Protein backbone atom coordinates (compact mmCIF):
# COMPACT_ATOMS: atom_id res chain seq x y z
CA MET A 1 21.16 3.97 0.21
CA ARG A 2 18.11 3.02 -1.39
CA LYS A 3 17.92 5.82 -4.02
CA TYR A 4 14.30 5.57 -4.85
CA LEU A 5 12.99 5.14 -1.39
CA LEU A 6 14.59 8.43 -0.59
CA ILE A 7 12.80 9.91 -3.66
CA LEU A 8 9.63 8.41 -2.26
CA SER A 9 10.16 9.89 1.12
CA ILE A 10 10.65 13.46 -0.11
CA LEU A 11 7.78 13.30 -2.42
CA THR A 12 5.60 12.21 0.51
CA LEU A 13 6.73 14.71 2.99
CA THR A 14 6.90 17.85 0.77
CA ALA A 15 4.87 16.93 -2.44
CA ILE A 16 7.88 18.13 -4.35
CA THR A 17 6.56 17.90 -8.06
CA SER A 18 3.33 19.34 -9.60
CA TYR A 19 2.19 15.77 -9.83
CA GLY A 20 2.89 13.75 -6.66
CA GLN A 21 2.03 10.57 -8.38
CA ASN A 22 4.92 8.32 -9.05
CA MET A 23 6.26 4.81 -9.66
CA TYR A 24 5.41 3.78 -5.98
CA ASP A 25 1.76 4.92 -6.15
CA ALA A 26 1.30 2.75 -9.12
CA LEU A 27 3.00 -0.18 -7.41
CA ARG A 28 1.11 0.29 -4.17
CA PHE A 29 -2.28 0.08 -6.08
CA SER A 30 -1.22 -2.75 -8.35
CA GLN A 31 -0.07 -5.23 -5.65
CA LEU A 32 -2.29 -7.73 -4.19
CA PHE A 33 -1.84 -9.51 -0.80
CA TYR A 34 -4.86 -11.88 -0.59
CA GLU A 35 -7.08 -12.14 2.39
CA GLY A 36 -10.72 -13.45 1.94
CA THR A 37 -12.30 -16.07 4.47
CA ALA A 38 -10.43 -17.30 7.55
CA ARG A 39 -10.34 -20.87 5.96
CA SER A 40 -8.57 -19.59 2.78
CA MET A 41 -6.22 -17.49 4.92
CA GLY A 42 -5.53 -20.29 7.25
CA MET A 43 -4.40 -22.34 4.26
CA GLY A 44 -2.13 -19.64 2.85
CA ASN A 45 -4.78 -19.00 0.11
CA ALA A 46 -3.41 -22.10 -1.82
CA MET A 47 -6.75 -22.82 -3.07
CA THR A 48 -6.60 -22.12 -6.80
CA SER A 49 -6.89 -25.95 -7.46
CA LEU A 50 -9.02 -26.95 -4.54
CA GLY A 51 -11.87 -24.26 -4.68
CA GLY A 52 -15.03 -24.52 -2.58
CA ASP A 53 -14.31 -21.26 -0.89
CA LEU A 54 -15.47 -17.70 -1.59
CA GLY A 55 -11.85 -16.28 -0.68
CA ALA A 56 -10.54 -18.26 -3.49
CA LEU A 57 -12.70 -16.26 -5.91
CA SER A 58 -10.14 -13.43 -5.98
CA TYR A 59 -7.66 -15.64 -7.71
CA ASN A 60 -9.71 -18.48 -9.35
CA PRO A 61 -13.30 -18.02 -10.64
CA ALA A 62 -13.68 -21.60 -11.05
CA ALA A 63 -13.56 -21.97 -7.14
CA SER A 64 -17.31 -21.68 -6.88
CA GLY A 65 -18.04 -24.36 -9.41
CA VAL A 66 -17.02 -27.02 -6.72
CA TYR A 67 -20.04 -25.98 -4.50
CA ARG A 68 -23.04 -28.28 -4.50
CA TYR A 69 -24.88 -26.01 -2.15
CA SER A 70 -25.49 -22.25 -1.39
CA GLU A 71 -23.31 -20.55 1.18
CA PHE A 72 -23.06 -17.15 3.01
CA THR A 73 -19.92 -15.98 4.71
CA LEU A 74 -18.98 -12.78 6.89
CA THR A 75 -15.31 -12.26 7.91
CA PRO A 76 -14.25 -9.58 10.17
CA GLU A 77 -10.50 -9.10 10.97
CA ILE A 78 -8.14 -7.20 13.08
CA ILE A 79 -4.76 -6.12 11.28
CA VAL A 80 -1.75 -4.91 13.19
CA ASN A 81 1.25 -3.24 11.83
CA SER A 82 4.38 -2.95 14.00
CA SER A 83 7.49 -0.80 13.04
CA LYS A 84 10.79 -0.02 14.56
CA VAL A 85 12.90 2.90 13.70
CA ASN A 86 16.46 3.98 14.28
CA TYR A 87 17.00 7.60 13.72
CA LEU A 88 20.01 9.64 14.98
CA GLY A 89 20.83 6.90 17.31
CA ASN A 90 17.37 6.91 18.92
CA ASN A 91 15.14 3.86 18.66
CA THR A 92 11.31 4.10 18.51
CA SER A 93 8.54 1.53 18.08
CA SER A 94 5.07 1.96 16.86
CA ASP A 95 1.99 -0.19 16.40
CA LYS A 96 -1.23 0.56 14.53
CA THR A 97 -4.52 -1.61 14.77
CA ARG A 98 -7.28 -1.48 12.25
CA PHE A 99 -10.57 -3.42 12.22
CA SER A 100 -11.80 -4.31 8.71
CA ILE A 101 -13.99 -6.72 6.78
CA ALA A 102 -11.94 -9.22 4.96
CA ASN A 103 -14.74 -11.10 3.34
CA VAL A 104 -18.52 -10.94 2.73
CA GLY A 105 -20.16 -13.01 0.19
CA TRP A 106 -22.91 -15.48 -1.07
CA THR A 107 -22.78 -18.16 -3.51
CA GLY A 108 -25.85 -20.23 -4.95
CA GLY A 109 -25.84 -23.49 -6.69
CA PHE A 110 -28.45 -24.69 -9.30
CA GLU A 111 -28.70 -28.03 -11.09
CA THR A 112 -29.36 -27.93 -14.70
CA GLY A 113 -31.11 -31.33 -14.74
CA TYR A 114 -28.59 -32.93 -17.14
CA ARG A 115 -26.91 -36.21 -15.91
CA THR A 116 -23.97 -35.54 -18.24
CA GLY A 117 -22.23 -32.39 -19.46
CA LEU A 118 -23.09 -29.18 -17.75
CA THR A 119 -24.67 -30.58 -14.60
CA GLY A 120 -24.50 -27.52 -12.38
CA ILE A 121 -24.23 -23.83 -12.53
CA ASN A 122 -23.35 -21.50 -9.52
CA PHE A 123 -23.37 -17.77 -9.18
CA ALA A 124 -21.66 -15.78 -6.60
CA ILE A 125 -21.39 -12.23 -5.40
CA THR A 126 -18.42 -11.67 -3.12
CA ALA A 127 -16.39 -8.81 -1.54
CA ASN A 128 -12.79 -9.92 -0.60
CA GLN A 129 -9.91 -7.56 0.72
CA THR A 130 -6.74 -7.93 -1.26
CA ASN A 131 -4.54 -5.26 0.18
CA SER A 132 -4.26 -3.20 3.42
CA PHE A 133 -2.46 -0.23 3.75
CA ASN A 134 -2.50 -0.11 7.55
CA PHE A 135 0.87 1.51 8.71
CA LEU A 136 2.37 3.81 11.31
CA THR A 137 6.03 4.75 12.02
CA THR A 138 7.50 7.46 14.25
CA ALA A 139 10.99 8.84 14.71
CA SER A 140 12.89 11.42 16.81
CA GLY A 141 16.43 12.56 17.70
CA ALA A 142 18.73 15.47 18.12
CA GLU A 143 20.75 17.07 15.03
CA ALA A 144 23.16 19.79 15.09
CA HIS A 145 24.62 19.61 11.70
CA SER A 146 21.65 19.81 9.18
CA SER A 147 17.96 20.72 9.12
CA TYR A 148 14.80 20.65 7.03
CA LEU A 149 14.70 24.40 6.42
CA ALA A 150 18.29 24.63 5.41
CA SER A 151 17.87 21.89 2.93
CA LEU A 152 14.96 23.68 1.32
CA ALA A 153 16.85 26.91 1.13
CA ALA A 154 20.02 25.17 -0.28
CA ASN A 155 17.97 23.32 -2.90
CA MET A 156 16.00 26.19 -4.22
CA PRO A 157 15.42 25.87 -8.02
CA PRO A 158 18.04 27.77 -9.87
CA GLY A 159 17.27 31.44 -10.55
CA ILE A 160 13.95 31.38 -8.75
CA THR A 161 13.31 34.68 -6.78
CA GLY A 162 11.27 35.48 -3.77
CA ASP A 163 8.66 37.27 -5.66
CA GLU A 164 7.96 33.95 -7.56
CA LEU A 165 7.37 32.18 -4.23
CA THR A 166 5.26 35.03 -2.55
CA MET A 167 1.47 34.21 -1.95
CA THR A 168 -0.59 37.48 -2.32
CA GLU A 169 -3.99 38.42 -1.12
CA THR A 170 -5.21 38.62 -4.77
CA SER A 171 -3.45 35.29 -5.93
CA PRO A 172 -2.73 33.21 -2.97
CA THR A 173 -2.46 30.09 -5.09
CA TYR A 174 -0.29 31.57 -7.83
CA PRO A 175 3.23 30.12 -6.69
CA PHE A 176 1.86 26.57 -6.16
CA ALA A 177 0.53 26.49 -9.68
CA ASN A 178 3.26 28.37 -11.43
CA SER A 179 6.46 27.92 -9.54
CA ASN A 180 8.58 24.73 -9.94
CA ALA A 181 9.48 25.00 -6.27
CA SER A 182 8.04 22.42 -4.05
CA TRP A 183 5.00 23.19 -2.00
CA GLY A 184 6.90 22.85 1.24
CA THR A 185 9.57 25.42 0.03
CA ILE A 186 6.65 27.83 -0.88
CA LEU A 187 5.03 27.44 2.50
CA ALA A 188 8.35 28.00 4.40
CA TRP A 189 9.01 31.11 2.33
CA ASN A 190 5.66 32.63 3.22
CA ALA A 191 6.02 31.53 6.76
CA GLY A 192 9.16 33.50 7.23
CA LEU A 193 11.22 30.27 7.81
CA ILE A 194 13.26 30.78 4.58
CA ASP A 195 14.69 34.26 3.87
CA THR A 196 17.25 35.95 1.39
CA VAL A 197 20.71 36.46 2.22
CA SER A 198 21.50 39.18 -0.17
CA GLY A 199 19.89 40.02 -3.73
CA PRO A 200 16.70 38.36 -4.69
CA SER A 201 17.72 34.77 -5.27
CA SER A 202 20.13 33.68 -2.39
CA PHE A 203 18.37 31.92 0.54
CA TYR A 204 18.96 30.69 3.98
CA GLY A 205 16.68 28.85 6.63
CA ALA A 206 15.59 30.17 9.95
CA THR A 207 17.53 27.41 11.55
CA GLU A 208 21.00 28.74 10.08
CA ASN A 209 23.18 31.59 11.29
CA LEU A 210 25.16 33.84 8.80
CA THR A 211 28.86 34.04 10.09
CA PRO A 212 31.99 35.36 8.18
CA SER A 213 33.07 31.85 7.54
CA GLY A 214 29.66 30.77 6.13
CA VAL A 215 26.21 29.48 6.88
CA ILE A 216 26.00 27.24 10.06
CA ILE A 217 23.69 25.39 12.32
CA PRO A 218 24.36 27.13 15.62
CA GLY A 219 22.49 24.73 18.01
CA THR A 220 20.68 21.36 18.46
CA LEU A 221 17.45 20.88 16.96
CA GLU A 222 15.02 18.16 18.23
CA GLN A 223 13.62 16.40 15.06
CA SER A 224 10.44 14.41 15.03
CA TYR A 225 8.59 12.63 12.25
CA ARG A 226 5.29 10.56 12.22
CA ASN A 227 3.65 9.01 9.29
CA SER A 228 0.37 7.34 9.40
CA ARG A 229 -1.47 5.43 6.67
CA THR A 230 -4.67 3.46 6.35
CA GLY A 231 -6.85 2.17 3.42
CA TYR A 232 -7.49 -0.99 1.36
CA ILE A 233 -8.19 -2.55 -1.82
CA GLN A 234 -11.58 -4.36 -2.01
CA ASP A 235 -12.60 -6.85 -4.70
CA PHE A 236 -16.24 -6.87 -5.50
CA ILE A 237 -16.56 -9.99 -7.45
CA PHE A 238 -19.56 -11.09 -9.71
CA ASN A 239 -19.01 -14.63 -10.55
CA ALA A 240 -20.62 -17.38 -12.66
CA SER A 241 -19.19 -21.11 -12.94
CA GLY A 242 -20.22 -24.38 -14.27
CA ASN A 243 -19.67 -28.06 -13.19
CA ILE A 244 -19.05 -30.49 -15.97
CA ASN A 245 -19.55 -34.14 -15.01
CA ASP A 246 -17.96 -33.31 -11.59
CA ILE A 247 -14.40 -33.56 -13.48
CA VAL A 248 -14.05 -29.91 -14.97
CA PHE A 249 -15.06 -26.73 -13.23
CA VAL A 250 -14.89 -23.47 -15.23
CA GLY A 251 -15.47 -19.86 -14.00
CA LEU A 252 -15.79 -16.34 -15.16
CA SER A 253 -15.54 -13.31 -12.89
CA VAL A 254 -15.99 -9.45 -13.34
CA THR A 255 -14.17 -7.66 -10.44
CA MET A 256 -14.75 -4.18 -9.48
CA GLN A 257 -12.07 -2.96 -7.12
CA ASN A 258 -12.84 -0.21 -4.67
CA ILE A 259 -9.63 1.65 -3.52
CA TRP A 260 -9.21 3.89 -0.68
CA PHE A 261 -5.97 5.22 0.67
CA SER A 262 -5.19 8.01 3.30
CA GLU A 263 -1.86 9.23 4.46
CA TYR A 264 -0.84 11.89 7.11
CA SER A 265 2.70 12.82 8.04
CA THR A 266 4.20 15.59 10.21
CA TYR A 267 7.78 16.69 10.57
CA SER A 268 9.03 19.23 13.05
CA GLU A 269 12.23 20.86 14.40
CA VAL A 270 12.42 22.49 17.87
CA ALA A 271 15.40 24.63 18.88
CA ALA A 272 16.92 23.27 22.17
CA ASN A 273 18.16 26.83 22.83
CA PRO A 274 16.49 29.43 20.75
CA GLU A 275 18.92 32.17 21.85
CA LEU A 276 21.68 30.70 19.71
CA PHE A 277 19.71 31.34 16.59
CA GLN A 278 19.98 34.80 14.87
CA THR A 279 16.46 34.48 13.63
CA GLY A 280 15.16 33.64 17.17
CA PHE A 281 13.89 30.37 15.70
CA ARG A 282 11.87 28.32 18.23
CA HIS A 283 10.11 25.65 16.29
CA PHE A 284 8.47 24.69 13.13
CA THR A 285 5.96 21.82 12.16
CA SER A 286 5.17 20.70 8.50
CA GLU A 287 2.03 18.69 7.92
CA TYR A 288 1.06 16.62 4.74
CA SER A 289 -2.19 14.86 4.07
CA GLN A 290 -3.18 12.86 1.11
CA ASN A 291 -6.24 10.98 0.10
CA THR A 292 -6.50 8.51 -2.73
CA SER A 293 -9.91 7.17 -3.91
CA GLY A 294 -10.99 5.22 -7.08
CA PHE A 295 -11.89 2.06 -8.63
CA GLY A 296 -10.63 -0.75 -11.03
CA ILE A 297 -12.10 -3.32 -13.22
CA ASN A 298 -10.71 -6.66 -14.48
CA ILE A 299 -11.82 -9.97 -15.85
CA LYS A 300 -10.78 -13.33 -14.79
CA GLY A 301 -11.09 -16.88 -16.10
CA GLY A 302 -10.31 -19.97 -14.25
CA ILE A 303 -10.55 -23.88 -14.65
CA ILE A 304 -10.28 -26.85 -12.06
CA VAL A 305 -9.83 -30.33 -13.31
CA ARG A 306 -10.01 -33.53 -11.39
CA PRO A 307 -8.10 -36.01 -13.79
CA ILE A 308 -8.08 -38.95 -11.17
CA ALA A 309 -9.54 -39.45 -7.71
CA GLY A 310 -8.05 -37.01 -5.16
CA LEU A 311 -5.83 -35.09 -7.50
CA THR A 312 -6.97 -31.57 -8.58
CA LEU A 313 -5.33 -29.20 -11.20
CA GLY A 314 -6.10 -25.45 -11.34
CA ALA A 315 -5.24 -22.36 -13.39
CA SER A 316 -6.43 -19.09 -13.82
CA ILE A 317 -5.59 -15.71 -15.71
CA SER A 318 -6.68 -12.16 -15.18
CA THR A 319 -6.63 -9.24 -17.64
CA PRO A 320 -4.75 -6.06 -16.33
CA THR A 321 -6.84 -4.14 -13.75
CA TRP A 322 -7.73 -0.78 -15.21
CA LEU A 323 -7.50 1.77 -12.34
CA PHE A 324 -9.16 5.22 -12.28
CA LEU A 325 -7.72 7.25 -9.39
CA LYS A 326 -8.13 10.56 -7.83
CA ASP A 327 -5.58 12.18 -5.44
CA THR A 328 -6.20 15.15 -3.36
CA TRP A 329 -3.43 16.59 -1.08
CA GLU A 330 -2.81 19.46 1.19
CA GLU A 331 0.19 20.77 3.18
CA SER A 332 0.65 23.28 5.91
CA ILE A 333 3.49 24.80 7.89
CA ASP A 334 3.53 26.62 11.21
CA GLY A 335 6.53 28.06 13.19
CA TYR A 336 7.89 30.86 15.33
CA THR A 337 10.77 33.20 14.86
CA ALA A 338 11.62 36.25 16.55
CA ILE A 339 11.46 38.25 13.54
CA TYR A 340 7.98 37.19 12.20
CA GLY A 341 6.43 35.84 15.50
CA PRO A 342 4.04 32.84 15.10
CA VAL A 343 2.65 31.95 11.57
CA ASN A 344 0.60 29.34 9.91
CA ILE A 345 0.35 28.94 6.25
CA ILE A 346 -1.89 26.37 4.50
CA SER A 347 -1.60 25.42 0.79
CA PRO A 348 -4.51 25.01 -1.50
CA ILE A 349 -5.95 21.57 -2.07
CA GLY A 350 -4.09 19.72 -4.82
CA LEU A 351 -6.17 17.44 -7.21
CA MET A 352 -4.79 14.93 -9.83
CA GLU A 353 -6.88 12.44 -11.49
CA TYR A 354 -5.05 9.79 -13.51
CA ARG A 355 -5.15 6.15 -14.56
CA VAL A 356 -2.83 2.91 -13.79
CA ARG A 357 -2.87 -0.18 -15.73
CA SER A 358 -1.75 -2.94 -13.53
CA PRO A 359 -0.19 -6.19 -15.01
CA PHE A 360 -1.69 -9.36 -16.30
CA ARG A 361 -1.68 -12.12 -13.65
CA TRP A 362 -1.79 -16.07 -14.13
CA SER A 363 -1.46 -18.91 -11.78
CA ILE A 364 -1.25 -22.72 -11.85
CA ALA A 365 -1.89 -24.96 -9.01
CA ALA A 366 -2.12 -28.54 -7.99
CA GLY A 367 -3.93 -30.09 -4.97
CA TYR A 368 -4.78 -33.59 -3.41
CA THR A 369 -7.40 -34.65 -1.01
CA PHE A 370 -7.14 -37.88 0.96
CA GLY A 371 -10.59 -38.97 1.25
CA ARG A 372 -12.34 -36.43 3.66
CA LYS A 373 -9.52 -36.22 5.88
CA VAL A 374 -6.75 -34.14 4.35
CA ALA A 375 -6.68 -31.53 1.66
CA ILE A 376 -3.20 -30.08 0.34
CA GLY A 377 -2.85 -27.16 -2.11
CA ILE A 378 0.17 -25.74 -3.87
CA ASP A 379 -0.09 -22.58 -6.06
CA TYR A 380 2.26 -20.62 -8.21
CA GLU A 381 1.45 -17.13 -9.33
CA ARG A 382 3.13 -14.58 -11.56
CA ALA A 383 2.74 -10.91 -12.34
CA ASP A 384 5.20 -8.56 -14.14
CA TYR A 385 4.93 -5.19 -12.40
CA SER A 386 7.50 -3.75 -14.93
CA THR A 387 4.56 -3.58 -17.46
CA ILE A 388 2.44 -1.14 -15.24
CA LYS A 389 1.35 2.05 -17.21
CA MET A 390 0.45 5.49 -15.75
CA SER A 391 -1.70 7.97 -17.71
CA ASP A 392 -3.80 10.98 -17.21
CA GLN A 393 -7.52 10.83 -17.04
CA ASP A 394 -7.76 10.97 -20.92
CA ASN A 395 -5.40 8.02 -21.11
CA ASP A 396 -2.55 10.19 -22.36
CA ARG A 397 0.81 8.94 -21.01
CA SER A 398 2.93 11.79 -22.12
CA ILE A 399 2.97 13.44 -18.89
CA PHE A 400 4.03 10.28 -16.99
CA ILE A 401 7.03 9.43 -19.38
CA PRO A 402 9.59 9.54 -16.41
CA GLU A 403 7.29 7.67 -14.22
CA ASN A 404 6.79 5.02 -16.73
CA ASP A 405 10.52 4.82 -17.53
CA ASP A 406 11.01 4.13 -13.90
CA ILE A 407 8.55 1.41 -13.75
CA SER A 408 10.13 -0.38 -16.74
CA ARG A 409 13.67 0.03 -15.18
CA TYR A 410 13.16 -0.48 -11.50
CA LEU A 411 10.10 -2.89 -11.12
CA ARG A 412 10.20 -6.56 -12.18
CA ALA A 413 8.12 -9.70 -12.55
CA THR A 414 7.21 -11.76 -9.45
CA ASN A 415 7.09 -15.45 -8.77
CA ASN A 416 4.67 -15.93 -5.87
CA PHE A 417 4.10 -19.24 -4.16
CA ARG A 418 1.31 -20.57 -1.72
CA PHE A 419 1.20 -23.79 0.31
CA GLY A 420 -1.72 -24.88 2.44
CA ILE A 421 -3.08 -27.88 4.42
CA GLU A 422 -6.25 -28.83 6.03
CA TYR A 423 -6.78 -31.69 8.36
CA ASN A 424 -10.26 -32.85 9.53
CA ILE A 425 -9.78 -34.38 13.02
CA ILE A 426 -13.32 -35.33 13.06
CA PRO A 427 -16.13 -34.30 10.58
CA GLU A 428 -16.99 -31.27 12.61
CA PHE A 429 -13.30 -29.92 13.49
CA ALA A 430 -10.44 -29.18 11.31
CA ILE A 431 -6.89 -27.56 11.79
CA ARG A 432 -5.14 -25.69 9.06
CA GLY A 433 -1.72 -24.28 8.21
CA GLY A 434 -0.23 -22.29 5.25
CA TYR A 435 2.52 -20.32 3.89
CA ASN A 436 2.76 -17.37 1.49
CA TYR A 437 5.88 -15.97 -0.42
CA TYR A 438 5.28 -12.71 -2.09
CA ASP A 439 8.42 -12.08 -4.38
CA SER A 440 10.23 -8.76 -4.57
CA SER A 441 8.56 -6.45 -6.95
CA THR A 442 11.68 -4.04 -7.36
CA THR A 443 15.22 -4.50 -8.70
CA GLU A 444 16.97 -2.09 -6.47
CA TYR A 445 16.09 -3.69 -3.19
CA CYS A 446 14.09 -6.57 -1.70
CA ASN A 447 10.70 -6.00 -0.59
CA ALA A 448 9.49 -9.57 -0.55
CA ARG A 449 7.12 -10.96 2.15
CA HIS A 450 6.85 -14.27 3.87
CA TYR A 451 3.60 -15.19 5.75
CA ALA A 452 2.71 -18.20 7.87
CA SER A 453 -0.78 -18.91 8.94
CA ALA A 454 -2.66 -21.27 11.13
CA GLY A 455 -6.42 -21.88 11.44
CA LEU A 456 -9.19 -23.82 13.01
CA GLY A 457 -12.65 -24.74 11.62
CA TYR A 458 -15.95 -25.80 13.02
CA ARG A 459 -18.99 -27.15 11.22
CA ASN A 460 -22.32 -28.64 12.32
CA LYS A 461 -24.80 -30.76 10.52
CA GLY A 462 -27.30 -27.99 10.46
CA GLY A 463 -25.01 -25.83 7.94
CA PHE A 464 -23.63 -23.41 10.48
CA PHE A 465 -19.68 -23.06 10.30
CA MET A 466 -17.09 -20.92 12.00
CA ASP A 467 -13.47 -20.64 11.06
CA LEU A 468 -10.50 -18.70 12.81
CA ALA A 469 -7.36 -17.75 11.34
CA TYR A 470 -3.89 -16.08 12.47
CA VAL A 471 -1.54 -14.70 9.66
CA GLN A 472 1.86 -13.58 10.63
CA GLN A 473 4.54 -11.97 8.54
CA CYS A 474 7.66 -13.75 9.14
CA ASN A 475 10.26 -11.31 7.84
CA ARG A 476 10.71 -7.51 8.42
CA ASN A 477 10.78 -5.39 5.49
CA ASN A 478 13.56 -2.63 5.76
CA ASP A 479 13.71 1.03 4.31
CA LEU A 480 16.35 3.30 4.35
CA TYR A 481 15.66 6.95 3.47
CA THR A 482 16.23 10.75 4.73
CA LEU A 483 13.46 12.99 5.65
CA TYR A 484 14.94 15.86 3.67
CA ASP A 485 17.60 16.26 1.02
CA SER A 486 21.37 16.48 1.60
CA TYR A 487 22.69 19.85 0.55
CA GLU A 488 26.15 21.31 -0.52
CA ASN A 489 28.49 19.38 1.65
CA VAL A 490 25.85 18.23 4.30
CA SER A 491 24.71 14.73 4.50
CA ALA A 492 20.89 14.45 5.89
CA PRO A 493 20.77 11.93 8.48
CA VAL A 494 19.26 8.51 7.62
CA LEU A 495 16.12 6.82 8.89
CA ASN A 496 16.29 3.09 9.22
CA GLU A 497 12.96 1.58 9.35
CA SER A 498 11.75 -1.98 9.83
CA TYR A 499 8.17 -3.24 9.72
CA LEU A 500 5.84 -6.16 9.53
CA ASN A 501 2.10 -7.09 10.10
CA TRP A 502 -0.06 -9.76 11.51
CA LYS A 503 -3.72 -10.25 11.42
CA ILE A 504 -6.53 -12.33 13.00
CA ALA A 505 -9.74 -13.25 11.01
CA LEU A 506 -12.94 -14.94 12.08
CA THR A 507 -15.50 -16.17 9.59
CA VAL A 508 -19.19 -17.17 10.44
CA GLY A 509 -21.21 -18.67 7.83
CA MET A 510 -24.16 -20.89 6.71
CA ARG A 511 -24.65 -23.46 4.20
CA PHE A 512 -28.10 -24.23 2.91
């Protein structure tokens, strides 16, 4: 089983630690899956050496130097995530669709008046989406051997007492801030879904019966789980570039990233026959929501060279992105037992501000154009995710020592490849194709992604143009995890999840 995805699922569902931030949060906000204009997406974003497209500014600032005109683009898109889950022998499928803006941008070209040397200067202001967190998964099944509440009770911190878990009218937030129990455990205790067997520190769940031979689950529980996520990383690029004799193009960009992520998950258990349970347990539902907002900043430099007619070579390098993030989260639980009746408990709102330093990135590329008919691009990009660092808002890494150790040990350097081709059937119409390979960023399992893309383009003599692209993930990513911890000699059921995404983008633009 994938040990660290198991840890992630537990953190997501129950906010086990005081700081919910972990290695996977750092990776989530450091990975980039480029979008941009429909032209760049249709060509697999293999435009590091070709330039001439505002989508390419996310990975090569010299891309704007190729322009000899001004341009405005707008690219709305539709993103669809599809997931399949097998849980307790039951198969479920889910789809989630989101509308977003993949690109909006402007570039303006200015001649310097020199015949040689720096003949042109370009400026660009562009917003390109570089990651989407669109996701939905659902699971359900019947289980008679283990339960979430039994897991919470069995995995209580050693030596903890009920008094340490109790919310009072004078101090309802006390156990959340001062107990080392998970928030889910605290809520379940205060809702009467966990109780003591005997003495102050022996616990059992409302889904368990006490018998002379031990604690058992007396009947079938209908388990249900739903996890929904949305959000994005958007690059706001402030770019300047220069044209040297139509042979060398150089560029520099300052990129401000806007980050937004929202997650909502629910887990529930319903007794098929409440009369079998000594507590009169009927049902319970745990809900968890988290929102992350923040911004990042990096500086990129790039170059494109045309050593001979048709051939272009490109390279770029980016500083780490310094991310400033804020997480807020909240959890609630409601349930019904014959002993306590209907109960609903809500946690306080958790707040954590922290920093992430994402890795350096660099890329090299080659391209070739055959007159005005065909353009081909091949890109290679490298980023070492094992160098990510987490720290608090004052840049102190000491509270994230375990997380940074996990990052160094379980994340790795990636080798990403992109390929694209464009063929102009006639001057007004073009067809495109592309391929992306995003290497696995982890050592424990493979989370690589393969994308194929296709596109169409139209341009008229008046400067108006329109491009369409379709991007399809070719492989399914697979995750194995449990929705709660195994306990004592009881193994929690494993959820087997696979997912992929596809998108359609349309760019409308004007050259002038």
